[in-house]
C-alpha atoms as a PDB file:
ATOM      1  CA  UNK A   1    -109.454 -40.982 -32.337  1.00  0.00           C
ATOM      2  CA  UNK A   2    -111.675 -42.991 -30.082  1.00  0.00           C
ATOM      3  CA  UNK A   3    -110.228 -45.587 -27.699  1.00  0.00           C
ATOM      4  CA  UNK A   4    -112.267 -47.885 -25.508  1.00  0.00           C
ATOM      5  CA  UNK A   5    -110.748 -48.990 -22.197  1.00  0.00           C
ATOM      6  CA  UNK A   6    -111.885 -50.706 -19.049  1.00  0.00           C
ATOM      7  CA  UNK A   7    -111.565 -48.197 -16.234  1.00  0.00           C
ATOM      8  CA  UNK A   8    -110.546 -49.520 -12.843  1.00  0.00           C
ATOM      9  CA  UNK A   9    -112.546 -48.692  -9.748  1.00  0.00           C
ATOM     10  CA  UNK A  10    -109.620 -46.640  -8.412  1.00  0.00           C
ATOM     11  CA  UNK A  11    -109.540 -44.424 -11.504  1.00  0.00           C
ATOM     12  CA  UNK A  12    -113.312 -44.051 -11.416  1.00  0.00           C
ATOM     13  CA  UNK A  13    -113.124 -43.049  -7.743  1.00  0.00           C
ATOM     14  CA  UNK A  14    -110.363 -40.513  -8.466  1.00  0.00           C
ATOM     15  CA  UNK A  15    -112.424 -39.047 -11.285  1.00  0.00           C
ATOM     16  CA  UNK A  16    -115.494 -38.784  -9.084  1.00  0.00           C
ATOM     17  CA  UNK A  17    -113.450 -37.114  -6.331  1.00  0.00           C
ATOM     18  CA  UNK A  18    -112.395 -34.469  -8.871  1.00  0.00           C
ATOM     19  CA  UNK A  19    -115.933 -34.060 -10.146  1.00  0.00           C
ATOM     20  CA  UNK A  20    -115.055 -35.430 -13.576  1.00  0.00           C
ATOM     21  CA  UNK A  21    -116.413 -38.180 -15.753  1.00  0.00           C
ATOM     22  CA  UNK A  22    -113.941 -41.097 -15.874  1.00  0.00           C
ATOM     23  CA  UNK A  23    -113.449 -40.513 -19.619  1.00  0.00           C
ATOM     24  CA  UNK A  24    -112.499 -36.879 -19.050  1.00  0.00           C
ATOM     25  CA  UNK A  25    -110.187 -37.804 -16.187  1.00  0.00           C
ATOM     26  CA  UNK A  26    -108.344 -40.408 -18.278  1.00  0.00           C
ATOM     27  CA  UNK A  27    -108.035 -37.904 -21.128  1.00  0.00           C
ATOM     28  CA  UNK A  28    -106.535 -35.388 -18.688  1.00  0.00           C
ATOM     29  CA  UNK A  29    -104.021 -37.968 -17.421  1.00  0.00           C
ATOM     30  CA  UNK A  30    -102.986 -38.903 -20.957  1.00  0.00           C
ATOM     31  CA  UNK A  31    -102.577 -35.258 -21.930  1.00  0.00           C
ATOM     32  CA  UNK A  32    -100.347 -34.627 -18.912  1.00  0.00           C
ATOM     33  CA  UNK A  33     -98.227 -37.703 -19.666  1.00  0.00           C
ATOM     34  CA  UNK A  34     -97.785 -36.669 -23.287  1.00  0.00           C
ATOM     35  CA  UNK A  35     -96.740 -33.169 -22.244  1.00  0.00           C
ATOM     36  CA  UNK A  36     -94.191 -34.575 -19.779  1.00  0.00           C
ATOM     37  CA  UNK A  37     -92.673 -36.729 -22.504  1.00  0.00           C
ATOM     38  CA  UNK A  38     -92.385 -33.834 -24.922  1.00  0.00           C
ATOM     39  CA  UNK A  39     -88.897 -32.663 -25.784  1.00  0.00           C
ATOM     40  CA  UNK A  40     -90.031 -29.073 -26.253  1.00  0.00           C
ATOM     41  CA  UNK A  41     -88.555 -26.758 -23.667  1.00  0.00           C
ATOM     42  CA  UNK A  42     -85.692 -29.120 -22.880  1.00  0.00           C
ATOM     43  CA  UNK A  43     -82.150 -28.053 -23.497  1.00  0.00           C
ATOM     44  CA  UNK A  44     -80.218 -30.403 -25.779  1.00  0.00           C
ATOM     45  CA  UNK A  45     -77.579 -32.444 -24.033  1.00  0.00           C
ATOM     46  CA  UNK A  46     -74.066 -31.090 -24.217  1.00  0.00           C
ATOM     47  CA  UNK A  47     -71.324 -33.294 -25.670  1.00  0.00           C
ATOM     48  CA  UNK A  48     -69.876 -33.624 -22.159  1.00  0.00           C
ATOM     49  CA  UNK A  49     -73.212 -34.848 -20.752  1.00  0.00           C
ATOM     50  CA  UNK A  50     -73.546 -37.351 -23.573  1.00  0.00           C
ATOM     51  CA  UNK A  51     -69.983 -38.599 -23.038  1.00  0.00           C
ATOM     52  CA  UNK A  52     -70.597 -38.951 -19.278  1.00  0.00           C
ATOM     53  CA  UNK A  53     -73.771 -40.944 -19.941  1.00  0.00           C
ATOM     54  CA  UNK A  54     -72.026 -43.218 -22.454  1.00  0.00           C
ATOM     55  CA  UNK A  55     -69.149 -43.770 -20.039  1.00  0.00           C
ATOM     56  CA  UNK A  56     -71.593 -44.758 -17.304  1.00  0.00           C
ATOM     57  CA  UNK A  57     -73.103 -47.344 -19.649  1.00  0.00           C
ATOM     58  CA  UNK A  58     -69.678 -48.805 -20.380  1.00  0.00           C
ATOM     59  CA  UNK A  59     -68.452 -48.579 -16.784  1.00  0.00           C
ATOM     60  CA  UNK A  60     -68.159 -52.343 -16.172  1.00  0.00           C
ATOM     61  CA  UNK A  61     -67.850 -53.539 -19.767  1.00  0.00           C
ATOM     62  CA  UNK A  62     -64.313 -54.782 -19.098  1.00  0.00           C
ATOM     63  CA  UNK A  63     -65.804 -57.383 -16.746  1.00  0.00           C
ATOM     64  CA  UNK A  64     -67.970 -58.987 -19.450  1.00  0.00           C
ATOM     65  CA  UNK A  65     -66.381 -62.306 -20.399  1.00  0.00           C
ATOM     66  CA  UNK A  66     -65.646 -62.890 -24.078  1.00  0.00           C
ATOM     67  CA  UNK A  67     -68.015 -65.115 -26.034  1.00  0.00           C
ATOM     68  CA  UNK A  68     -66.745 -68.449 -27.282  1.00  0.00           C
ATOM     69  CA  UNK A  69     -66.314 -69.008 -31.025  1.00  0.00           C
ATOM     70  CA  UNK A  70     -69.468 -71.167 -31.012  1.00  0.00           C
ATOM     71  CA  UNK A  71     -72.239 -71.016 -28.466  1.00  0.00           C
ATOM     72  CA  UNK A  72     -73.407 -74.427 -27.371  1.00  0.00           C
ATOM     73  CA  UNK A  73     -76.192 -75.557 -25.097  1.00  0.00           C
ATOM     74  CA  UNK A  74     -73.565 -76.759 -22.617  1.00  0.00           C
ATOM     75  CA  UNK A  75     -71.917 -73.332 -22.561  1.00  0.00           C
ATOM     76  CA  UNK A  76     -75.263 -71.588 -21.971  1.00  0.00           C
ATOM     77  CA  UNK A  77     -76.111 -73.864 -19.039  1.00  0.00           C
ATOM     78  CA  UNK A  78     -72.589 -74.288 -17.633  1.00  0.00           C
ATOM     79  CA  UNK A  79     -73.432 -72.610 -14.305  1.00  0.00           C
ATOM     80  CA  UNK A  80     -76.725 -74.472 -13.756  1.00  0.00           C
ATOM     81  CA  UNK A  81     -77.106 -77.673 -11.807  1.00  0.00           C
END
């Protein structure tokens, strides 16, 4: 695949400092980012870790006010002056 991008002066300077062409430097950065995002080598989450994460998401859900039966413009803007 071939992708054309505009390379900022900062990236070009970083590439030059490493003795690389900007294209090669950007390719190296992308490769590193893709490797970091890979799930290979990661241990799957345990059920306890998943439950803890889900509980943290729902931590303050009891403070969310209920929605009205119909949502009106007045209801949306009730706290605005």
